[in-house]
Amino acid sequence: MQLEGYRVETASDGEAGLAAADKVRPVLAITDRSMPGMDGIELCHRLRREPKLARIPLILASAAPEIALGAPVWDEFWRKPVSVEIMLTSIRRLVAVPSK
C-alpha cells in the first residue's frame, strides 16, 4: 500500500509488528499503545533492544495522555485523535535525510 508517497506496511499486533520490522527494516514505525498481546510500549522497547532496528524512529499513539514511565523510548507521542497534517509533518521530519 502507498500513502502520500510512502510505502506502508501494517501489522495486526505487537508480535507481528516486530516480525515485520525485522523483515522490512522500515525507515519509521508507528504503533498504538493498545494492541492485543504485546502493547505499543513494549514493542518500542523491543525494537530499541535490537541492534539492527534500534535506530528506527518510533511514534507511539494513544487516546490516553502521554505515558510517564521515565524517559520515553519513542521519538514522538501522538495523542489520538491526531490530524493528518500533524501526522504528515511528524513523518516528514522523522524520515528526513540529514543534510551534509
C-alpha atoms as a PDB file:
ATOM      1  CA  MET A   1       0.000   0.000   0.000  1.00  0.00           C
ATOM      2  CA  GLN A   2       1.205   3.523  -0.683  1.00  0.00           C
ATOM      3  CA  LEU A   3       0.014   6.721   1.025  1.00  0.00           C
ATOM      4  CA  GLU A   4       1.351  10.223   0.369  1.00  0.00           C
ATOM      5  CA  GLY A   5       4.292   8.637  -1.451  1.00  0.00           C
ATOM      6  CA  TYR A   6       5.249   6.405   1.493  1.00  0.00           C
ATOM      7  CA  ARG A   7       5.107   2.630   1.299  1.00  0.00           C
ATOM      8  CA  VAL A   8       3.009   1.428   4.227  1.00  0.00           C
ATOM      9  CA  GLU A   9       3.205  -1.980   5.884  1.00  0.00           C
ATOM     10  CA  THR A  10       0.708  -2.945   8.573  1.00  0.00           C
ATOM     11  CA  ALA A  11       0.659  -5.494  11.366  1.00  0.00           C
ATOM     12  CA  SER A  12      -2.247  -6.711  13.488  1.00  0.00           C
ATOM     13  CA  ASP A  13      -0.410  -6.817  16.821  1.00  0.00           C
ATOM     14  CA  GLY A  14       2.946  -6.175  18.506  1.00  0.00           C
ATOM     15  CA  GLU A  15       4.477  -9.564  17.682  1.00  0.00           C
ATOM     16  CA  ALA A  16       3.525  -9.183  14.026  1.00  0.00           C
ATOM     17  CA  GLY A  17       4.891  -5.620  14.088  1.00  0.00           C
ATOM     18  CA  LEU A  18       8.224  -6.794  15.475  1.00  0.00           C
ATOM     19  CA  ALA A  19       8.454  -9.534  12.830  1.00  0.00           C
ATOM     20  CA  ALA A  20       7.533  -7.082  10.057  1.00  0.00           C
ATOM     21  CA  ALA A  21      10.143  -4.565  11.248  1.00  0.00           C
ATOM     22  CA  ASP A  22      12.787  -7.287  11.236  1.00  0.00           C
ATOM     23  CA  LYS A  23      11.824  -8.336   7.704  1.00  0.00           C
ATOM     24  CA  VAL A  24      11.165  -4.925   6.106  1.00  0.00           C
ATOM     25  CA  ARG A  25      13.594  -2.680   8.062  1.00  0.00           C
ATOM     26  CA  PRO A  26      11.317   0.377   7.900  1.00  0.00           C
ATOM     27  CA  VAL A  27      12.532   3.969   7.969  1.00  0.00           C
ATOM     28  CA  LEU A  28       9.820   4.750  10.574  1.00  0.00           C
ATOM     29  CA  ALA A  29       7.458   2.770  12.812  1.00  0.00           C
ATOM     30  CA  ILE A  30       4.134   3.989  14.189  1.00  0.00           C
ATOM     31  CA  THR A  31       2.422   1.934  16.870  1.00  0.00           C
ATOM     32  CA  ASP A  32      -0.634   2.236  19.039  1.00  0.00           C
ATOM     33  CA  ARG A  33      -0.240   1.833  22.774  1.00  0.00           C
ATOM     34  CA  SER A  34      -3.217  -0.543  22.963  1.00  0.00           C
ATOM     35  CA  MET A  35      -2.775  -3.710  20.940  1.00  0.00           C
ATOM     36  CA  PRO A  36      -3.552  -7.348  21.617  1.00  0.00           C
ATOM     37  CA  GLY A  37      -0.696  -9.222  23.265  1.00  0.00           C
ATOM     38  CA  MET A  38       2.391  -7.014  23.267  1.00  0.00           C
ATOM     39  CA  ASP A  39       1.386  -3.364  23.659  1.00  0.00           C
ATOM     40  CA  GLY A  40       2.988  -0.465  21.787  1.00  0.00           C
ATOM     41  CA  ILE A  41       5.247   0.493  24.691  1.00  0.00           C
ATOM     42  CA  GLU A  42       6.728  -2.994  24.831  1.00  0.00           C
ATOM     43  CA  LEU A  43       7.094  -3.022  21.037  1.00  0.00           C
ATOM     44  CA  CYS A  44       9.094   0.225  21.234  1.00  0.00           C
ATOM     45  CA  HIS A  45      11.330  -1.277  23.946  1.00  0.00           C
ATOM     46  CA  ARG A  46      11.902  -4.455  21.918  1.00  0.00           C
ATOM     47  CA  LEU A  47      12.717  -2.507  18.747  1.00  0.00           C
ATOM     48  CA  ARG A  48      15.255  -0.389  20.672  1.00  0.00           C
ATOM     49  CA  ARG A  49      16.954  -3.524  22.044  1.00  0.00           C
ATOM     50  CA  GLU A  50      17.512  -4.978  18.560  1.00  0.00           C
ATOM     51  CA  PRO A  51      20.774  -3.506  17.206  1.00  0.00           C
ATOM     52  CA  LYS A  52      19.612  -3.697  13.578  1.00  0.00           C
ATOM     53  CA  LEU A  53      16.300  -1.959  14.424  1.00  0.00           C
ATOM     54  CA  ALA A  54      17.343   0.395  17.233  1.00  0.00           C
ATOM     55  CA  ARG A  55      17.738   3.486  15.035  1.00  0.00           C
ATOM     56  CA  ILE A  56      14.260   3.352  13.503  1.00  0.00           C
ATOM     57  CA  PRO A  57      12.333   6.489  14.536  1.00  0.00           C
ATOM     58  CA  LEU A  58       9.312   5.457  16.602  1.00  0.00           C
ATOM     59  CA  ILE A  59       5.950   7.134  17.096  1.00  0.00           C
ATOM     60  CA  LEU A  60       3.621   5.931  19.854  1.00  0.00           C
ATOM     61  CA  ALA A  61      -0.070   6.844  19.537  1.00  0.00           C
ATOM     62  CA  SER A  62      -2.681   6.641  22.270  1.00  0.00           C
ATOM     63  CA  ALA A  63      -6.030   8.095  23.262  1.00  0.00           C
ATOM     64  CA  ALA A  64      -4.674   8.315  26.813  1.00  0.00           C
ATOM     65  CA  PRO A  65      -2.489  11.209  27.976  1.00  0.00           C
ATOM     66  CA  GLU A  66       1.239  10.815  27.369  1.00  0.00           C
ATOM     67  CA  ILE A  67       2.716   7.979  29.359  1.00  0.00           C
ATOM     68  CA  ALA A  68       5.232   8.996  32.034  1.00  0.00           C
ATOM     69  CA  LEU A  69       7.374   5.928  32.671  1.00  0.00           C
ATOM     70  CA  GLY A  70      10.757   7.607  32.822  1.00  0.00           C
ATOM     71  CA  ALA A  71      12.457   8.617  29.597  1.00  0.00           C
ATOM     72  CA  PRO A  72      10.342   7.520  26.614  1.00  0.00           C
ATOM     73  CA  VAL A  73      11.887   5.122  24.132  1.00  0.00           C
ATOM     74  CA  TRP A  74       9.801   6.545  21.296  1.00  0.00           C
ATOM     75  CA  ASP A  75      10.717   9.667  19.353  1.00  0.00           C
ATOM     76  CA  GLU A  76       7.282  11.221  19.291  1.00  0.00           C
ATOM     77  CA  PHE A  77       3.928  10.759  21.007  1.00  0.00           C
ATOM     78  CA  TRP A  78       0.621  11.333  19.228  1.00  0.00           C
ATOM     79  CA  ARG A  79      -2.477  11.808  21.344  1.00  0.00           C
ATOM     80  CA  LYS A  80      -5.465  10.481  19.396  1.00  0.00           C
ATOM     81  CA  PRO A  81      -7.307  11.739  17.580  1.00  0.00           C
ATOM     82  CA  VAL A  82      -4.417  13.193  15.608  1.00  0.00           C
ATOM     83  CA  SER A  83      -4.859  15.233  12.449  1.00  0.00           C
ATOM     84  CA  VAL A  84      -3.482  14.173   9.101  1.00  0.00           C
ATOM     85  CA  GLU A  85      -1.477  17.415   8.991  1.00  0.00           C
ATOM     86  CA  ILE A  86       0.285  16.601  12.284  1.00  0.00           C
ATOM     87  CA  MET A  87       0.925  13.034  11.135  1.00  0.00           C
ATOM     88  CA  LEU A  88       2.476  14.115   7.840  1.00  0.00           C
ATOM     89  CA  THR A  89       4.578  16.851   9.473  1.00  0.00           C
ATOM     90  CA  SER A  90       5.942  14.388  12.035  1.00  0.00           C
ATOM     91  CA  ILE A  91       6.609  11.682   9.477  1.00  0.00           C
ATOM     92  CA  ARG A  92       8.390  14.059   7.105  1.00  0.00           C
ATOM     93  CA  ARG A  93      10.563  15.406   9.929  1.00  0.00           C
ATOM     94  CA  LEU A  94      11.463  11.980  11.307  1.00  0.00           C
ATOM     95  CA  VAL A  95      12.345  10.426   7.952  1.00  0.00           C
ATOM     96  CA  ALA A  96      14.140  13.480   6.559  1.00  0.00           C
ATOM     97  CA  VAL A  97      17.592  12.719   5.241  1.00  0.00           C
ATOM     98  CA  PRO A  98      20.097  14.835   7.199  1.00  0.00           C
ATOM     99  CA  SER A  99      21.876  17.394   5.057  1.00  0.00           C
ATOM    100  CA  LYS A 100      25.636  17.018   4.673  1.00  0.00           C
END
